[in-house]
Amino acid sequence: MSIVVPKGRKHLCADALFRLLHENFARIADAGADDGEIPLDDALMSAFAMFSLKTPSLLSFDQQRAEGHLQTIYGLDRVPCDTRMRERLDPVAPESLRHSFTLVFRQLQRGKALEPMVFLDGHSLVALDGTGYFSSKTLHCDSCLHKEHRNGSITSYHQMLGAAIIHPDCRAVIPLMPEPIVKQDGTEKNDGARKAAKRFITKLRQDHPHLKFSITEDALSANAPHIETLHDSGCHDILGVKEGDHAYLFQQVQAAADAGRVTSYERHDRATGLVHRFRFVNDMPLNGSRTDVRVHCIEYWEHGDGTVQHFSWVTDLRVNKRNVYRLMRGGRARWKMENETFNTLKNQGDNFEHNYGHGTKHLSVVFAMLMMLAFFVDQTQQLCCALFQAVWAKLGSKRMLWERMRALFYDYAFASMRQLFEALWYGFKKSSPIVTLDASSSAPCLLRLCAIEPDVLLSLGATMPPGRDRSAFHKTACHIESRKFLHKTGKGMVEPLTELSTPLVA
């Protein structure tokens, strides 16, 4: 019985999104362009391709840029070397990439792919969390944050506020454009997560004015100014709280419990054997100095296998027995921002913490945004592309998937990323590589091949050197006229390229 490639939505496949992003990169203003310069859209798309392929370093990408199929799959006309890529992208304003994120998001909306991600009462659940991705005592740029140590040394570092639409029942996440936590123009003080969150919420509303959002964050965000920012922007919230950080709130909850105003609720899950115990109370003051900021408080205990876990949240959504379990799951889903986003980028082959280049202006931030954009495309495939899902399941891990994908990309000629994934899904017949030679090459191993198998080379169009017989064939480099199996390196050399056979149906 044959295995059929799963069908997918054309406008949400990787190839369609690659074209969409490349077209959008071409609209970004390029102040530094001149005659003969590599276009900015090619430089941006080259960096995107590097992160899409999960290439471990910029040097590795530079060494292999002539071997793969960046022209056919990523639509590149000219691929810059590593030094030129850094020079072209360093002046680019990270904010100019925002429209690329919204374009991919619009494609998901068009395909109704976001409907299963709706969490509660038509709201999408957005998790916010900060992370660092660069630190050095020697490298620094205009955007770096700085930390002075007691011994007088200074550490320069980069952070971002990441954001993603999540759902408790969905493994995929929908990344939104992160907000860089960088040194702001005209200021000497470091930027902070609170200021970055305020900027993020404002931009989120500008990008998606008609969508409803519920924001979930950790206990550091459960403060009056941030809650007011969320409410002023029309967002709901589910924020973690801790007794050590919110002592006044927990004192008021205990006083309400003593007065009999707290509701208790218990739920048994037979499938998992877990017992869920809740205690909640509405209309509590967040702290003693801002009693006007009222919140609804949830405490939750999970009992199972002799262990007990305890969590607490505050929310602006009024709590009752019908929605408390759902709110709890939304609060606990915040870990997806760490596990399914940052940990994936750091530990499953995306090389998030590797320094691809730092520059003097914006290079480090631009690379981080492009890596997150490539991750956005990956997550779109994970959510919407049945072929991607099937190959991932077949190979068992994303790290293995990226390794196999990259190997095929550089060794075989593919017309599209879908064709590459079809080869991974079906399997394919591997033929022996056909080594060829031109006049500029004189490698001894290739000359030995000419001596051993001259008929093979002649059958492919090799030209016999004038005045020579076959016995002398190996003594002179030959020129292959046919280019069916050849791949130019851009350095005057011709390298072997194995022809991809028709995939075998399992």
Protein backbone atom coordinates (compact mmCIF):
# COMPACT_ATOMS: atom_id res chain seq x y z
CA MET A 1 0.00 0.00 0.00
CA SER A 2 1.45 3.36 -1.04
CA ILE A 3 1.89 6.28 1.30
CA VAL A 4 0.43 9.52 -0.03
CA VAL A 5 1.97 12.90 0.76
CA PRO A 6 -0.43 14.84 2.99
CA LYS A 7 -1.96 17.86 1.33
CA GLY A 8 -1.45 21.33 2.71
CA ARG A 9 -2.72 24.88 2.25
CA LYS A 10 -0.66 26.46 -0.51
CA HIS A 11 -0.53 29.97 0.94
CA LEU A 12 0.70 28.59 4.29
CA CYS A 13 3.42 26.30 2.95
CA ALA A 14 7.06 27.25 3.48
CA ASP A 15 7.66 28.06 -0.19
CA ALA A 16 4.77 30.54 -0.33
CA LEU A 17 5.90 32.20 2.91
CA PHE A 18 9.49 32.45 1.63
CA ARG A 19 8.25 34.33 -1.45
CA LEU A 20 6.02 36.55 0.65
CA LEU A 21 8.85 37.54 2.98
CA HIS A 22 11.33 38.15 0.16
CA GLU A 23 8.86 40.47 -1.56
CA ASN A 24 8.35 42.35 1.68
CA PHE A 25 12.10 42.66 2.31
CA ALA A 26 12.34 44.39 -1.08
CA ARG A 27 10.06 47.16 0.23
CA ILE A 28 12.36 48.07 3.11
CA ALA A 29 14.19 51.32 2.43
CA ASP A 30 17.89 50.86 1.71
CA ALA A 31 19.79 54.04 2.43
CA GLY A 32 23.20 52.49 1.81
CA ALA A 33 22.60 51.01 -1.64
CA ASP A 34 24.87 51.93 -4.58
CA ASP A 35 25.70 50.55 -7.99
CA GLY A 36 26.97 47.00 -7.84
CA GLU A 37 25.85 46.59 -4.24
CA ILE A 38 24.10 43.41 -3.13
CA PRO A 39 20.43 44.40 -2.66
CA LEU A 40 19.22 44.68 0.92
CA ASP A 41 16.39 42.21 0.28
CA ASP A 42 18.94 39.57 -0.80
CA ALA A 43 21.03 40.26 2.30
CA LEU A 44 17.97 39.98 4.58
CA MET A 45 16.72 36.85 2.80
CA SER A 46 20.19 35.28 2.99
CA ALA A 47 20.24 35.78 6.76
CA PHE A 48 16.68 34.43 6.98
CA ALA A 49 17.73 31.36 4.94
CA MET A 50 20.66 30.81 7.31
CA PHE A 51 18.27 30.66 10.27
CA SER A 52 15.65 28.71 8.33
CA LEU A 53 18.26 26.03 7.56
CA LYS A 54 19.51 26.14 11.19
CA THR A 55 23.08 26.67 9.99
CA PRO A 56 25.26 26.57 13.12
CA SER A 57 27.30 29.70 12.29
CA LEU A 58 27.62 32.51 9.78
CA LEU A 59 31.02 31.17 8.73
CA SER A 60 29.50 27.77 7.99
CA PHE A 61 26.76 29.42 5.92
CA ASP A 62 29.38 31.42 4.02
CA GLN A 63 31.44 28.32 3.25
CA GLN A 64 28.41 26.46 1.88
CA ARG A 65 26.47 29.30 0.25
CA ALA A 66 27.52 28.22 -3.25
CA GLU A 67 26.73 24.55 -2.70
CA GLY A 68 23.04 24.63 -1.80
CA HIS A 69 20.02 25.89 -3.69
CA LEU A 70 19.46 29.31 -2.22
CA GLN A 71 18.48 30.60 -5.64
CA THR A 72 15.72 28.07 -6.32
CA ILE A 73 14.24 27.60 -2.84
CA TYR A 74 14.82 31.02 -1.26
CA GLY A 75 14.69 33.07 -4.46
CA LEU A 76 18.08 34.71 -4.00
CA ASP A 77 19.90 36.38 -6.88
CA ARG A 78 23.09 37.22 -4.98
CA VAL A 79 24.23 35.81 -1.64
CA PRO A 80 26.61 38.05 0.32
CA CYS A 81 29.70 36.71 2.02
CA ASP A 82 29.75 36.75 5.82
CA THR A 83 31.55 40.10 6.07
CA ARG A 84 29.30 41.83 3.55
CA MET A 85 26.17 40.43 5.19
CA ARG A 86 27.19 41.97 8.51
CA GLU A 87 27.95 45.30 6.86
CA ARG A 88 24.62 45.38 4.99
CA LEU A 89 22.44 44.41 7.96
CA ASP A 90 24.12 46.38 10.74
CA PRO A 91 22.39 49.72 9.87
CA VAL A 92 18.94 48.13 9.38
CA ALA A 93 16.36 49.29 11.92
CA PRO A 94 14.86 46.21 13.65
CA GLU A 95 11.43 47.87 13.59
CA SER A 96 11.45 47.67 9.77
CA LEU A 97 10.94 43.88 10.13
CA ARG A 98 7.63 44.27 11.97
CA HIS A 99 5.55 44.13 8.81
CA SER A 100 7.09 40.74 7.95
CA PHE A 101 5.63 39.28 11.15
CA THR A 102 2.20 40.78 10.49
CA LEU A 103 2.21 39.43 6.91
CA VAL A 104 2.73 35.85 8.09
CA PHE A 105 0.10 36.43 10.78
CA ARG A 106 -2.37 37.63 8.13
CA GLN A 107 -1.80 34.44 6.17
CA LEU A 108 -2.70 32.42 9.26
CA GLN A 109 -5.86 34.49 9.68
CA ARG A 110 -6.72 34.04 6.02
CA GLY A 111 -6.40 30.27 6.39
CA LYS A 112 -8.46 30.30 9.61
CA ALA A 113 -5.52 28.59 11.31
CA LEU A 114 -5.87 30.75 14.42
CA GLU A 115 -9.43 29.67 15.20
CA PRO A 116 -8.32 26.55 17.15
CA MET A 117 -6.02 28.82 19.17
CA VAL A 118 -8.90 30.86 20.63
CA PHE A 119 -8.74 30.37 24.38
CA LEU A 120 -11.73 31.82 26.26
CA ASP A 121 -14.68 33.98 25.22
CA GLY A 122 -13.13 34.76 21.83
CA HIS A 123 -9.79 35.84 23.32
CA SER A 124 -6.37 34.66 22.18
CA LEU A 125 -3.98 33.87 25.02
CA VAL A 126 -0.65 35.72 24.67
CA ALA A 127 2.31 34.76 26.86
CA LEU A 128 5.04 37.32 27.55
CA ASP A 129 8.46 36.55 28.95
CA GLY A 130 11.96 37.99 28.75
CA THR A 131 15.17 36.22 27.81
CA GLY A 132 18.81 37.00 27.15
CA TYR A 133 20.66 35.90 24.02
CA PHE A 134 24.07 37.61 24.11
CA SER A 135 26.66 38.50 26.76
CA SER A 136 30.27 39.61 26.43
CA LYS A 137 32.93 41.59 28.27
CA THR A 138 34.69 42.53 25.02
CA LEU A 139 32.04 43.02 22.30
CA HIS A 140 29.48 45.80 22.50
CA CYS A 141 27.30 47.96 20.25
CA ASP A 142 25.06 51.02 20.45
CA SER A 143 22.08 48.84 21.45
CA CYS A 144 23.82 46.91 24.24
CA LEU A 145 22.74 46.98 27.86
CA HIS A 146 25.60 47.30 30.34
CA LYS A 147 26.28 45.86 33.76
CA GLU A 148 29.12 47.19 35.88
CA HIS A 149 30.83 44.75 38.25
CA ARG A 150 32.49 45.53 41.55
CA ASN A 151 35.95 45.02 40.07
CA GLY A 152 35.26 47.72 37.49
CA SER A 153 34.70 45.43 34.50
CA ILE A 154 31.63 45.88 32.30
CA THR A 155 29.49 43.17 30.73
CA SER A 156 27.53 44.07 27.61
CA TYR A 157 24.42 42.03 26.90
CA HIS A 158 21.21 41.80 24.88
CA GLN A 159 17.72 40.82 26.01
CA MET A 160 14.30 40.71 24.42
CA LEU A 161 10.71 40.46 25.54
CA GLY A 162 9.32 37.49 23.66
CA ALA A 163 5.63 36.99 22.96
CA ALA A 164 3.55 34.20 21.45
CA ILE A 165 -0.08 33.20 21.10
CA ILE A 166 -0.45 29.92 22.97
CA HIS A 167 -3.17 27.42 23.81
CA PRO A 168 -3.16 24.80 26.60
CA ASP A 169 -4.16 22.05 24.15
CA CYS A 170 -1.83 22.99 21.27
CA ARG A 171 1.89 22.27 21.14
CA ALA A 172 2.59 24.87 18.46
CA VAL A 173 2.90 28.54 19.38
CA ILE A 174 2.39 31.61 17.19
CA PRO A 175 5.31 33.97 17.80
CA LEU A 176 4.69 37.69 17.62
CA MET A 177 7.47 40.16 16.92
CA PRO A 178 9.57 40.41 20.10
CA GLU A 179 10.28 43.75 21.73
CA PRO A 180 14.05 44.30 22.04
CA ILE A 181 15.22 45.42 25.45
CA VAL A 182 17.96 47.78 24.27
CA LYS A 183 19.59 51.05 25.20
CA GLN A 184 17.13 53.70 24.03
CA ASP A 185 18.33 56.71 22.04
CA GLY A 186 19.32 59.68 24.19
CA THR A 187 19.37 57.72 27.46
CA GLU A 188 22.18 56.49 29.67
CA LYS A 189 20.13 54.08 31.80
CA ASN A 190 19.42 50.52 30.78
CA ASP A 191 16.07 49.71 29.28
CA GLY A 192 13.85 47.47 31.39
CA ALA A 193 11.29 44.70 30.93
CA ARG A 194 8.45 46.92 32.20
CA LYS A 195 9.14 49.63 29.63
CA ALA A 196 9.53 47.00 26.92
CA ALA A 197 6.18 45.44 27.92
CA LYS A 198 4.48 48.82 27.69
CA ARG A 199 5.91 49.36 24.20
CA PHE A 200 4.93 45.84 23.18
CA ILE A 201 1.29 46.20 24.26
CA THR A 202 0.99 49.51 22.37
CA LYS A 203 2.40 47.96 19.18
CA LEU A 204 0.30 44.81 19.61
CA ARG A 205 -2.83 46.94 19.58
CA GLN A 206 -1.61 48.88 16.54
CA ASP A 207 -0.86 45.68 14.60
CA HIS A 208 -4.06 43.84 15.60
CA PRO A 209 -6.68 46.43 16.62
CA HIS A 210 -9.66 44.09 16.22
CA LEU A 211 -8.41 40.98 18.01
CA LYS A 212 -9.14 40.19 21.64
CA PHE A 213 -6.19 39.25 23.83
CA SER A 214 -5.67 37.83 27.30
CA ILE A 215 -2.12 38.33 28.53
CA THR A 216 -0.43 35.81 30.81
CA GLU A 217 2.86 36.61 32.56
CA ASP A 218 4.90 35.75 35.63
CA ALA A 219 4.72 37.35 39.09
CA LEU A 220 7.05 40.23 38.18
CA SER A 221 4.28 41.66 35.99
CA ALA A 222 1.57 41.63 38.68
CA ASN A 223 1.94 45.31 39.56
CA ALA A 224 -0.55 48.16 39.36
CA PRO A 225 1.05 50.22 36.52
CA HIS A 226 1.32 47.20 34.22
CA ILE A 227 -2.22 46.03 34.96
CA GLU A 228 -3.48 49.51 34.15
CA THR A 229 -1.56 49.43 30.85
CA LEU A 230 -3.22 46.14 29.94
CA HIS A 231 -6.69 47.38 30.82
CA ASP A 232 -6.21 50.68 28.97
CA SER A 233 -5.32 48.64 25.87
CA GLY A 234 -8.42 46.48 26.19
CA CYS A 235 -6.54 43.33 27.19
CA HIS A 236 -7.52 40.83 29.87
CA ASP A 237 -4.85 39.34 32.12
CA ILE A 238 -3.89 36.15 33.98
CA LEU A 239 -0.80 37.00 36.02
CA GLY A 240 1.12 34.79 38.40
CA VAL A 241 1.52 35.95 42.00
CA LYS A 242 3.75 34.76 44.84
CA GLU A 243 3.17 35.08 48.55
CA GLY A 244 6.66 36.49 49.07
CA ASP A 245 6.13 39.24 46.47
CA HIS A 246 2.45 39.98 47.18
CA ALA A 247 2.18 39.61 50.95
CA TYR A 248 -0.64 42.17 51.30
CA LEU A 249 -2.79 40.39 48.71
CA PHE A 250 -2.42 37.00 50.40
CA GLN A 251 -3.23 38.54 53.79
CA GLN A 252 -6.47 39.88 52.34
CA VAL A 253 -7.30 36.51 50.79
CA GLN A 254 -6.76 34.79 54.14
CA ALA A 255 -8.95 37.39 55.86
CA ALA A 256 -11.67 36.71 53.27
CA ALA A 257 -11.31 32.96 53.90
CA ASP A 258 -11.72 33.51 57.65
CA ALA A 259 -14.87 35.51 56.94
CA GLY A 260 -16.27 32.72 54.75
CA ARG A 261 -16.13 34.73 51.51
CA VAL A 262 -13.77 32.37 49.67
CA THR A 263 -15.13 29.67 47.36
CA SER A 264 -13.55 26.19 47.35
CA TYR A 265 -13.89 23.77 44.46
CA GLU A 266 -12.51 20.30 43.76
CA ARG A 267 -12.29 18.40 40.51
CA HIS A 268 -11.13 14.79 39.93
CA ASP A 269 -9.50 13.75 36.66
CA ARG A 270 -9.95 9.99 36.25
CA ALA A 271 -7.84 9.82 33.09
CA THR A 272 -4.71 11.16 34.81
CA GLY A 273 -5.51 10.31 38.41
CA LEU A 274 -4.99 13.94 39.41
CA VAL A 275 -7.08 15.89 41.91
CA HIS A 276 -7.49 19.62 41.26
CA ARG A 277 -8.31 21.78 44.29
CA PHE A 278 -9.19 25.46 43.92
CA ARG A 279 -9.75 28.36 46.27
CA PHE A 280 -10.80 31.66 44.72
CA VAL A 281 -12.19 35.01 45.75
CA ASN A 282 -13.22 38.03 43.67
CA ASP A 283 -12.61 41.76 44.12
CA MET A 284 -9.39 41.89 46.15
CA PRO A 285 -6.98 44.86 46.40
CA LEU A 286 -3.67 44.13 44.68
CA ASN A 287 -1.58 45.90 47.32
CA GLY A 288 -1.86 48.34 50.21
CA SER A 289 -0.70 51.39 48.29
CA ARG A 290 -3.06 50.86 45.34
CA THR A 291 -6.27 49.53 46.82
CA ASP A 292 -8.13 50.99 43.85
CA VAL A 293 -6.62 48.28 41.59
CA ARG A 294 -8.93 45.33 42.16
CA VAL A 295 -8.19 41.76 41.09
CA HIS A 296 -9.75 38.31 41.32
CA CYS A 297 -7.48 35.76 43.00
CA ILE A 298 -7.11 32.02 42.29
CA GLU A 299 -5.16 29.51 44.35
CA TYR A 300 -4.69 26.02 42.95
CA TRP A 301 -3.29 22.73 44.28
CA GLU A 302 -2.56 19.72 42.05
CA HIS A 303 -2.47 16.38 43.90
CA GLY A 304 -1.02 13.31 42.21
CA ASP A 305 1.41 10.43 42.87
CA GLY A 306 2.09 11.60 46.39
CA THR A 307 3.10 15.10 45.26
CA VAL A 308 1.38 18.46 45.61
CA GLN A 309 2.01 21.52 43.45
CA HIS A 310 0.72 24.97 44.34
CA PHE A 311 0.11 27.93 41.99
CA SER A 312 -1.58 31.31 42.36
CA TRP A 313 -2.83 33.91 39.88
CA VAL A 314 -4.72 37.16 39.72
CA THR A 315 -6.99 38.04 36.82
CA ASP A 316 -9.47 40.71 35.77
CA LEU A 317 -11.88 37.99 34.61
CA ARG A 318 -14.46 37.29 37.28
CA VAL A 319 -13.90 33.76 38.61
CA ASN A 320 -16.58 31.12 39.16
CA LYS A 321 -16.75 27.33 39.24
CA ARG A 322 -17.50 27.19 35.51
CA ASN A 323 -14.35 28.97 34.37
CA VAL A 324 -11.79 28.47 37.16
CA TYR A 325 -10.37 25.26 35.65
CA ARG A 326 -10.02 26.96 32.28
CA LEU A 327 -8.32 30.00 33.82
CA MET A 328 -5.93 27.72 35.69
CA ARG A 329 -4.94 25.99 32.46
CA GLY A 330 -4.38 29.35 30.82
CA GLY A 331 -2.14 30.47 33.66
CA ARG A 332 -0.12 27.26 33.60
CA ALA A 333 0.22 27.41 29.80
CA ARG A 334 2.58 30.35 30.26
CA TRP A 335 5.42 27.80 30.47
CA LYS A 336 5.00 27.31 26.70
CA MET A 337 6.72 30.65 26.24
CA GLU A 338 9.79 29.21 27.94
CA ASN A 339 9.64 25.54 26.88
CA GLU A 340 8.09 25.67 23.41
CA THR A 341 9.76 28.93 22.39
CA PHE A 342 13.02 29.83 24.13
CA ASN A 343 14.08 26.27 24.99
CA THR A 344 13.27 25.15 21.45
CA LEU A 345 15.37 27.96 20.01
CA LYS A 346 18.25 27.29 22.40
CA ASN A 347 18.31 23.49 22.58
CA GLN A 348 16.73 21.97 19.46
CA GLY A 349 19.09 23.11 16.75
CA ASP A 350 18.17 26.78 16.20
CA ASN A 351 21.34 28.05 17.94
CA PHE A 352 19.56 31.02 19.51
CA GLU A 353 22.40 31.90 21.88
CA HIS A 354 25.14 31.66 19.25
CA ASN A 355 26.69 35.00 18.26
CA TYR A 356 26.23 35.16 14.47
CA GLY A 357 27.57 38.70 14.45
CA HIS A 358 27.38 41.72 16.70
CA GLY A 359 28.18 44.82 14.68
CA THR A 360 28.21 48.38 16.01
CA LYS A 361 24.56 49.41 15.58
CA HIS A 362 21.70 46.93 15.18
CA LEU A 363 23.20 43.73 13.75
CA SER A 364 22.73 41.54 16.83
CA VAL A 365 19.11 42.63 17.22
CA VAL A 366 18.35 42.21 13.49
CA PHE A 367 19.75 38.67 13.54
CA ALA A 368 17.61 37.87 16.61
CA MET A 369 14.47 39.20 14.85
CA LEU A 370 15.22 37.21 11.68
CA MET A 371 15.80 34.06 13.71
CA MET A 372 12.44 34.57 15.41
CA LEU A 373 10.84 35.17 11.98
CA ALA A 374 12.27 31.85 10.74
CA PHE A 375 10.91 30.23 13.91
CA PHE A 376 7.50 31.79 13.09
CA VAL A 377 7.54 30.07 9.68
CA ASP A 378 8.55 26.78 11.33
CA GLN A 379 5.69 27.03 13.81
CA THR A 380 3.29 27.80 10.97
CA GLN A 381 4.40 24.54 9.33
CA GLN A 382 4.03 22.70 12.62
CA LEU A 383 0.49 24.02 13.01
CA CYS A 384 -0.75 23.89 9.42
CA CYS A 385 1.40 21.59 7.25
CA ALA A 386 0.53 17.89 7.49
CA LEU A 387 3.67 16.97 5.50
CA PHE A 388 5.92 18.77 8.00
CA GLN A 389 4.10 17.08 10.87
CA ALA A 390 4.51 13.66 9.25
CA VAL A 391 8.25 14.10 8.62
CA TRP A 392 8.79 15.40 12.17
CA ALA A 393 6.97 12.36 13.59
CA LYS A 394 8.95 10.03 11.33
CA LEU A 395 12.36 11.43 12.35
CA GLY A 396 11.46 11.74 16.02
CA SER A 397 12.97 15.13 16.89
CA LYS A 398 13.36 18.58 15.44
CA ARG A 399 17.12 18.46 15.78
CA MET A 400 17.20 15.35 13.55
CA LEU A 401 14.73 16.96 11.16
CA TRP A 402 16.94 20.05 10.75
CA GLU A 403 20.06 17.93 10.27
CA ARG A 404 18.46 15.79 7.56
CA MET A 405 16.88 18.81 5.89
CA ARG A 406 20.21 20.66 5.77
CA ALA A 407 22.06 17.61 4.43
CA LEU A 408 19.62 17.14 1.55
CA PHE A 409 19.56 20.86 0.82
CA TYR A 410 23.30 20.92 0.18
CA ASP A 411 23.63 17.53 -1.57
CA TYR A 412 20.66 17.36 -3.93
CA ALA A 413 18.90 19.60 -6.44
CA PHE A 414 15.40 20.51 -5.26
CA ALA A 415 12.96 22.93 -6.83
CA SER A 416 11.09 23.66 -3.59
CA MET A 417 11.12 23.02 0.13
CA ARG A 418 8.05 20.84 -0.27
CA GLN A 419 9.96 18.58 -2.64
CA LEU A 420 12.71 18.29 -0.04
CA PHE A 421 10.22 17.29 2.65
CA GLU A 422 8.62 14.80 0.26
CA ALA A 423 12.04 13.16 -0.13
CA LEU A 424 12.33 12.94 3.66
CA TRP A 425 8.84 11.50 3.91
CA TYR A 426 8.96 8.96 1.08
CA GLY A 427 12.65 8.16 1.07
CA PHE A 428 14.55 8.18 -2.22
CA LYS A 429 17.00 6.13 -4.26
CA LYS A 430 20.56 7.29 -3.66
CA SER A 431 22.82 7.08 -6.69
CA SER A 432 26.61 7.18 -6.63
CA PRO A 433 28.05 10.68 -7.10
CA ILE A 434 29.43 11.41 -10.58
CA VAL A 435 32.70 13.26 -10.15
CA THR A 436 33.51 15.67 -13.00
CA LEU A 437 36.41 17.89 -13.87
CA ASP A 438 37.06 21.06 -15.84
CA ALA A 439 40.22 22.70 -17.10
CA SER A 440 40.72 24.68 -13.91
CA SER A 441 40.83 21.57 -11.73
CA SER A 442 43.83 19.29 -11.36
CA ALA A 443 43.15 17.38 -8.17
CA PRO A 444 45.06 14.06 -8.23
CA CYS A 445 42.04 12.09 -7.07
CA LEU A 446 39.99 13.37 -10.01
CA LEU A 447 42.79 12.59 -12.47
CA ARG A 448 42.93 9.05 -11.10
CA LEU A 449 39.20 8.74 -11.77
CA CYS A 450 39.84 9.82 -15.37
CA ALA A 451 42.46 7.09 -15.68
CA ILE A 452 40.24 4.43 -14.20
CA GLU A 453 36.92 5.28 -15.89
CA PRO A 454 37.54 7.42 -18.99
CA ASP A 455 34.52 5.93 -20.75
CA VAL A 456 32.23 7.26 -18.04
CA LEU A 457 33.55 10.76 -18.52
CA LEU A 458 33.42 10.54 -22.30
CA SER A 459 29.80 9.39 -22.13
CA LEU A 460 28.98 12.57 -20.22
CA GLY A 461 30.53 14.80 -22.87
CA ALA A 462 34.17 14.95 -21.84
CA THR A 463 36.40 16.27 -24.58
CA MET A 464 39.47 14.17 -25.49
CA PRO A 465 42.61 16.31 -25.34
CA PRO A 466 43.94 17.00 -28.89
CA GLY A 467 46.50 14.51 -30.14
CA ARG A 468 46.03 12.18 -27.20
CA ASP A 469 44.79 8.62 -27.04
CA ARG A 470 42.88 7.13 -24.15
CA SER A 471 45.97 5.86 -22.46
CA ALA A 472 47.11 9.44 -22.03
CA PHE A 473 43.65 10.65 -21.02
CA HIS A 474 44.53 10.77 -17.35
CA LYS A 475 47.58 12.96 -17.90
CA THR A 476 45.65 16.08 -18.94
CA ALA A 477 42.65 17.75 -17.34
CA CYS A 478 39.53 17.35 -19.43
CA HIS A 479 36.63 19.73 -19.91
CA ILE A 480 33.04 18.55 -19.46
CA GLU A 481 30.64 20.33 -21.80
CA SER A 482 27.50 18.85 -20.25
CA ARG A 483 26.34 20.58 -17.04
CA LYS A 484 23.58 18.17 -16.17
CA PHE A 485 25.42 16.89 -13.11
CA LEU A 486 27.64 19.88 -12.34
CA HIS A 487 27.39 22.61 -9.74
CA LYS A 488 29.41 25.83 -9.99
CA THR A 489 31.07 27.00 -6.80
CA GLY A 490 31.56 30.59 -7.93
CA LYS A 491 35.35 30.18 -7.64
CA GLY A 492 36.03 28.70 -11.04
CA MET A 493 35.67 25.16 -9.74
CA VAL A 494 33.09 22.57 -10.64
CA GLU A 495 31.92 20.26 -7.87
CA PRO A 496 29.97 16.99 -8.02
CA LEU A 497 26.24 17.10 -7.57
CA THR A 498 24.28 13.88 -7.15
CA GLU A 499 21.09 13.70 -9.17
CA LEU A 500 17.97 13.09 -7.10
CA SER A 501 16.09 10.05 -8.25
CA THR A 502 12.32 9.81 -8.23
CA PRO A 503 11.16 9.20 -4.65
CA LEU A 504 10.27 5.61 -3.89
CA VAL A 505 6.73 5.02 -2.68
CA ALA A 506 6.91 2.97 0.50
